[in-house]
Amino acid sequence: MNKKIQVLSLFLSLSFLSLLLLQPLLLDESQDDINDQAYLAIVKNDQKSFEDFLDRGGKLESFVVMPQKKKSLGRLLVEYERVDLINLAAKKKKQFQPDDQEMQSIWETTVTKNNSELYQAIRRLNPKEKIKNRRVGKEHRTLLQYASSKCSHNLIKNLESEGLSLSEKDKNGVNSFHLAEKNNCHPVLSYWKKRGAMDSIKTNKDLSLPELTKSLQKNDAPTKPIVNVVTKIPEFYKKRSIPKESYNRLELVEPVERPRESIQTAEYSEFSD
């Protein structure tokens, strides 16, 4: 009897030990399933499924394994521009604190999308982020500089309100105005011109003001129809019922009388049978 009890006790002990060892694996597998469901909800823009993910304690910092890389759910929300889902997470007071490298990628993607509503949603989700201190890319650029380089003109006003400066330079000595001019981004150039940027940067020797001014004037000039001015029209073309294409039709007046040969019928034509 004692021997049976010992065997039973040993079996129970081994079973309990196995459960302890397998529990982390089971939890990881369960968490992966939850994250995959959240990823599917993001792709399908399924608000109900995504809300269920949040209510079950899902974290936006969780990674989903992608082909050859992994991305956080927060980054996927930005890539798919799911503003409503991001606002839902912010409404539920979800904390969004990925590692710095992932956060940098998220802001790069946000700026590239050139979506002001998306930017504001991410700010609500991560209000403690110090935008003035955030640097992205190999050039160590501010988000304002990065937006100018990507011609993300819809975000310039948002980033300016964060206290980012036009005159601030990246590690190569280039500022936001310079980057917008280099990338031929007229909307950004026009915005800064209206803000009086031309006056504030006149002392900067690095900028080519004549080129910038020329670019801005070209962009701001009203569109006018091009009219070809014809100084002298040969008499022959004045007598034609259909003016020659090289002359402006608006400048020509069809003559009242045509040469006799122009009104001859086929009966009297030299080419008639």
Protein backbone atom coordinates (compact mmCIF):
# COMPACT_ATOMS: atom_id res chain seq x y z
CA MET A 1 0.00 0.00 0.00
CA ASN A 2 2.78 2.39 0.93
CA LYS A 3 4.53 1.57 -2.33
CA LYS A 4 1.44 2.55 -4.36
CA ILE A 5 1.18 5.82 -2.48
CA GLN A 6 4.83 6.57 -3.19
CA VAL A 7 4.38 5.86 -6.90
CA LEU A 8 1.28 8.04 -7.02
CA SER A 9 3.07 10.84 -5.22
CA LEU A 10 5.98 10.60 -7.61
CA PHE A 11 3.64 10.72 -10.61
CA LEU A 12 1.83 13.78 -9.26
CA SER A 13 5.13 15.50 -8.56
CA LEU A 14 6.38 14.87 -12.09
CA SER A 15 3.10 16.08 -13.55
CA PHE A 16 3.24 19.27 -11.52
CA LEU A 17 6.86 19.85 -12.50
CA SER A 18 5.97 19.34 -16.17
CA LEU A 19 3.19 21.88 -15.95
CA LEU A 20 5.57 24.41 -14.39
CA LEU A 21 8.06 23.88 -17.19
CA LEU A 22 5.48 24.01 -19.96
CA GLN A 23 3.50 26.95 -18.61
CA PRO A 24 5.75 29.69 -20.10
CA LEU A 25 5.60 27.97 -23.48
CA LEU A 26 1.84 27.70 -23.32
CA LEU A 27 1.55 31.33 -22.31
CA ASP A 28 3.87 32.42 -25.13
CA GLU A 29 1.87 30.42 -27.66
CA SER A 30 -1.36 31.91 -26.35
CA GLN A 31 0.08 35.41 -26.51
CA ASP A 32 1.25 34.81 -30.08
CA ASP A 33 -2.29 33.79 -31.02
CA ILE A 34 -3.67 37.00 -29.46
CA ASN A 35 -1.11 39.12 -31.30
CA ASP A 36 -1.88 37.39 -34.60
CA GLN A 37 -5.57 38.09 -34.08
CA ALA A 38 -4.76 41.75 -33.41
CA TYR A 39 -2.67 41.88 -36.58
CA LEU A 40 -5.59 40.46 -38.56
CA ALA A 41 -7.90 43.03 -36.98
CA ILE A 42 -5.54 45.81 -38.08
CA VAL A 43 -5.36 44.51 -41.64
CA LYS A 44 -9.15 44.18 -41.85
CA ASN A 45 -9.73 47.39 -39.85
CA ASP A 46 -11.98 45.33 -37.57
CA GLN A 47 -12.70 47.61 -34.63
CA LYS A 48 -14.64 45.01 -32.63
CA SER A 49 -11.84 42.41 -32.78
CA PHE A 50 -9.24 45.01 -31.97
CA GLU A 51 -11.23 46.23 -28.97
CA ASP A 52 -11.46 42.62 -27.79
CA PHE A 53 -7.68 42.39 -28.07
CA LEU A 54 -7.28 45.51 -25.93
CA ASP A 55 -9.81 44.29 -23.33
CA ARG A 56 -7.89 41.01 -22.99
CA GLY A 57 -4.81 42.96 -21.96
CA GLY A 58 -3.12 43.08 -25.37
CA LYS A 59 -0.11 45.36 -25.66
CA LEU A 60 0.71 47.56 -28.64
CA GLU A 61 4.40 46.99 -27.99
CA SER A 62 3.93 43.28 -28.76
CA PHE A 63 5.77 42.09 -31.86
CA VAL A 64 4.35 40.16 -34.75
CA VAL A 65 6.73 38.03 -36.77
CA MET A 66 6.73 39.18 -40.39
CA PRO A 67 8.63 37.72 -43.35
CA GLN A 68 12.32 38.36 -42.59
CA LYS A 69 11.51 40.85 -39.80
CA LYS A 70 9.22 41.60 -36.90
CA LYS A 71 7.13 44.68 -36.24
CA SER A 72 5.23 45.94 -33.25
CA LEU A 73 1.46 46.23 -33.43
CA GLY A 74 1.85 49.97 -32.90
CA ARG A 75 4.02 50.24 -35.98
CA LEU A 76 1.52 48.22 -38.01
CA LEU A 77 -1.26 50.57 -36.92
CA VAL A 78 0.75 53.45 -38.37
CA GLU A 79 1.65 51.63 -41.58
CA TYR A 80 -2.01 50.83 -42.23
CA GLU A 81 -3.05 54.33 -41.07
CA ARG A 82 -5.66 52.96 -38.66
CA VAL A 83 -6.48 56.26 -36.99
CA ASP A 84 -9.75 54.97 -35.47
CA LEU A 85 -8.03 51.96 -33.88
CA ILE A 86 -5.25 54.15 -32.48
CA ASN A 87 -7.83 56.55 -31.01
CA LEU A 88 -9.64 53.56 -29.50
CA ALA A 89 -6.44 52.44 -27.76
CA ALA A 90 -5.84 56.00 -26.51
CA LYS A 91 -9.42 56.18 -25.20
CA LYS A 92 -8.81 53.01 -23.21
CA LYS A 93 -5.72 54.63 -21.68
CA LYS A 94 -3.37 52.12 -23.21
CA GLN A 95 0.30 52.83 -22.65
CA PHE A 96 2.51 52.78 -25.71
CA GLN A 97 6.18 52.54 -24.84
CA PRO A 98 8.15 50.49 -27.40
CA ASP A 99 11.94 50.46 -27.39
CA ASP A 100 13.67 53.50 -28.84
CA GLN A 101 14.59 51.87 -32.14
CA GLU A 102 11.00 50.81 -32.78
CA MET A 103 9.72 54.23 -31.71
CA GLN A 104 12.07 55.86 -34.22
CA SER A 105 10.71 53.63 -36.99
CA ILE A 106 7.15 54.51 -35.96
CA TRP A 107 7.82 58.24 -36.21
CA GLU A 108 9.61 57.87 -39.55
CA THR A 109 6.60 56.01 -40.92
CA THR A 110 4.18 58.54 -39.44
CA VAL A 111 5.98 61.47 -41.06
CA THR A 112 6.24 59.68 -44.40
CA LYS A 113 2.46 59.09 -44.44
CA ASN A 114 1.93 62.89 -44.44
CA ASN A 115 -1.30 62.41 -42.50
CA SER A 116 -2.04 65.06 -39.88
CA GLU A 117 -4.81 63.01 -38.23
CA LEU A 118 -2.48 60.03 -37.93
CA TYR A 119 0.17 62.22 -36.33
CA GLN A 120 -2.27 63.61 -33.79
CA ALA A 121 -3.55 60.12 -32.97
CA ILE A 122 -0.03 58.87 -32.24
CA ARG A 123 0.57 61.92 -30.04
CA ARG A 124 -2.57 61.09 -28.01
CA LEU A 125 -1.35 57.53 -27.65
CA ASN A 126 2.11 58.63 -26.53
CA PRO A 127 1.76 62.15 -25.07
CA LYS A 128 5.03 61.93 -23.13
CA GLU A 129 7.12 61.63 -26.27
CA LYS A 130 9.49 64.61 -26.50
CA ILE A 131 9.16 65.53 -30.15
CA LYS A 132 11.85 68.22 -29.92
CA ASN A 133 14.39 65.63 -28.87
CA ARG A 134 13.40 62.93 -31.33
CA ARG A 135 15.98 62.31 -34.05
CA VAL A 136 15.57 59.99 -37.03
CA GLY A 137 17.69 58.68 -39.88
CA LYS A 138 21.42 58.57 -40.44
CA GLU A 139 21.52 62.37 -40.70
CA HIS A 140 20.19 62.67 -37.14
CA ARG A 141 17.35 64.91 -38.30
CA THR A 142 14.48 66.39 -36.33
CA LEU A 143 10.99 65.37 -37.39
CA LEU A 144 10.58 68.80 -38.99
CA GLN A 145 13.71 68.32 -41.07
CA TYR A 146 12.65 64.80 -41.96
CA ALA A 147 9.19 66.03 -43.00
CA SER A 148 10.78 68.67 -45.25
CA SER A 149 13.01 66.05 -46.88
CA LYS A 150 9.97 63.83 -47.54
CA CYS A 151 7.74 66.78 -48.59
CA SER A 152 5.25 65.87 -45.85
CA HIS A 153 3.71 69.33 -45.96
CA ASN A 154 0.56 68.38 -44.02
CA LEU A 155 2.64 67.88 -40.87
CA ILE A 156 4.68 71.09 -40.93
CA LYS A 157 2.12 73.04 -38.87
CA ASN A 158 1.86 70.22 -36.29
CA LEU A 159 5.62 69.98 -35.91
CA GLU A 160 6.05 73.75 -35.70
CA SER A 161 3.53 73.82 -32.84
CA GLU A 162 5.77 71.32 -31.02
CA GLY A 163 8.45 73.98 -30.88
CA LEU A 164 10.66 72.66 -33.66
CA SER A 165 12.71 75.37 -35.34
CA LEU A 166 13.18 76.07 -39.03
CA SER A 167 16.75 77.25 -38.52
CA GLU A 168 17.87 74.12 -36.66
CA LYS A 169 20.35 72.06 -38.70
CA ASP A 170 21.10 68.38 -38.95
CA LYS A 171 24.58 66.98 -38.48
CA ASN A 172 25.41 67.91 -42.10
CA GLY A 173 24.58 71.56 -41.47
CA VAL A 174 21.33 71.54 -43.45
CA ASN A 175 18.07 73.05 -42.17
CA SER A 176 14.43 72.35 -43.03
CA PHE A 177 14.15 75.12 -45.62
CA HIS A 178 17.23 73.84 -47.39
CA LEU A 179 15.85 70.29 -47.45
CA ALA A 180 12.51 71.42 -48.88
CA GLU A 181 14.29 73.40 -51.61
CA LYS A 182 16.61 70.51 -52.41
CA ASN A 183 13.65 68.15 -52.81
CA ASN A 184 11.64 70.69 -54.81
CA CYS A 185 8.85 70.64 -52.24
CA HIS A 186 6.87 73.76 -53.14
CA PRO A 187 4.09 73.36 -50.53
CA VAL A 188 6.65 73.45 -47.69
CA LEU A 189 8.53 76.36 -49.28
CA SER A 190 5.32 78.33 -49.70
CA TYR A 191 4.33 77.65 -46.08
CA TRP A 192 7.61 79.00 -44.75
CA LYS A 193 7.51 81.96 -47.09
CA LYS A 194 4.09 82.93 -45.74
CA ARG A 195 5.47 82.58 -42.22
CA GLY A 196 8.19 85.12 -43.04
CA ALA A 197 10.98 82.58 -43.31
CA MET A 198 12.72 84.44 -46.13
CA ASP A 199 13.43 87.39 -43.84
CA SER A 200 14.62 85.25 -40.94
CA ILE A 201 17.23 83.33 -42.96
CA LYS A 202 18.82 86.10 -45.01
CA THR A 203 21.94 86.00 -42.88
CA ASN A 204 22.47 82.29 -43.51
CA LYS A 205 25.30 82.06 -46.04
CA ASP A 206 24.61 78.41 -46.71
CA LEU A 207 21.35 79.16 -48.48
CA SER A 208 21.11 80.16 -52.12
CA LEU A 209 18.49 82.88 -51.77
CA PRO A 210 18.25 83.76 -55.48
CA GLU A 211 17.48 80.13 -56.29
CA LEU A 212 14.98 79.85 -53.44
CA THR A 213 13.26 83.09 -54.42
CA LYS A 214 13.08 82.01 -58.03
CA SER A 215 11.59 78.67 -57.01
CA LEU A 216 9.01 80.31 -54.78
CA GLN A 217 8.04 82.90 -57.36
CA LYS A 218 7.60 80.16 -59.92
CA ASN A 219 5.34 78.26 -57.53
CA ASP A 220 3.32 81.28 -56.38
CA ALA A 221 2.83 82.87 -59.79
CA PRO A 222 -0.78 82.62 -60.97
CA THR A 223 -1.40 80.38 -63.90
CA LYS A 224 -2.07 82.32 -67.11
CA PRO A 225 -2.97 81.00 -70.53
CA ILE A 226 -0.11 81.21 -72.95
CA VAL A 227 -0.94 83.43 -75.93
CA ASN A 228 1.34 83.50 -78.92
CA VAL A 229 1.70 87.05 -80.21
CA VAL A 230 1.80 87.15 -83.99
CA THR A 231 3.32 90.33 -85.33
CA LYS A 232 2.71 89.73 -89.01
CA ILE A 233 0.56 87.18 -90.79
CA PRO A 234 1.10 86.42 -94.48
CA GLU A 235 -1.78 87.50 -96.71
CA PHE A 236 -2.24 83.96 -97.95
CA TYR A 237 -3.15 82.65 -94.47
CA LYS A 238 -5.52 85.53 -93.82
CA LYS A 239 -7.63 84.32 -96.72
CA ARG A 240 -7.85 80.70 -95.53
CA SER A 241 -11.06 79.60 -93.84
CA ILE A 242 -9.05 77.45 -91.37
CA PRO A 243 -5.95 79.22 -90.02
CA LYS A 244 -2.66 77.39 -89.95
CA GLU A 245 -1.97 75.69 -86.59
CA SER A 246 1.21 77.69 -85.97
CA TYR A 247 -0.87 80.85 -85.54
CA ASN A 248 -3.14 81.75 -82.70
CA ARG A 249 -6.74 81.34 -83.79
CA LEU A 250 -7.84 84.15 -81.47
CA GLU A 251 -5.61 86.59 -83.33
CA LEU A 252 -7.07 85.80 -86.73
CA VAL A 253 -10.31 87.09 -88.24
CA GLU A 254 -11.80 85.11 -91.05
CA PRO A 255 -11.95 87.35 -94.14
CA VAL A 256 -15.31 88.18 -95.65
CA GLU A 257 -14.13 87.38 -99.14
CA ARG A 258 -12.01 84.48 -100.25
CA PRO A 259 -9.95 84.09 -103.39
CA ARG A 260 -12.03 82.88 -106.29
CA GLU A 261 -10.14 79.62 -106.44
CA SER A 262 -11.15 78.79 -102.88
CA ILE A 263 -14.87 78.74 -103.75
CA GLN A 264 -14.65 76.77 -106.94
CA THR A 265 -16.62 73.59 -106.94
CA ALA A 266 -15.29 70.25 -108.01
CA GLU A 267 -17.04 70.73 -111.34
CA TYR A 268 -14.75 73.61 -112.28
CA SER A 269 -11.67 72.38 -110.49
CA GLU A 270 -8.61 71.62 -112.51
CA PHE A 271 -8.45 68.29 -110.65
CA SER A 272 -11.96 67.25 -111.70
CA ASP A 273 -12.55 64.52 -114.19
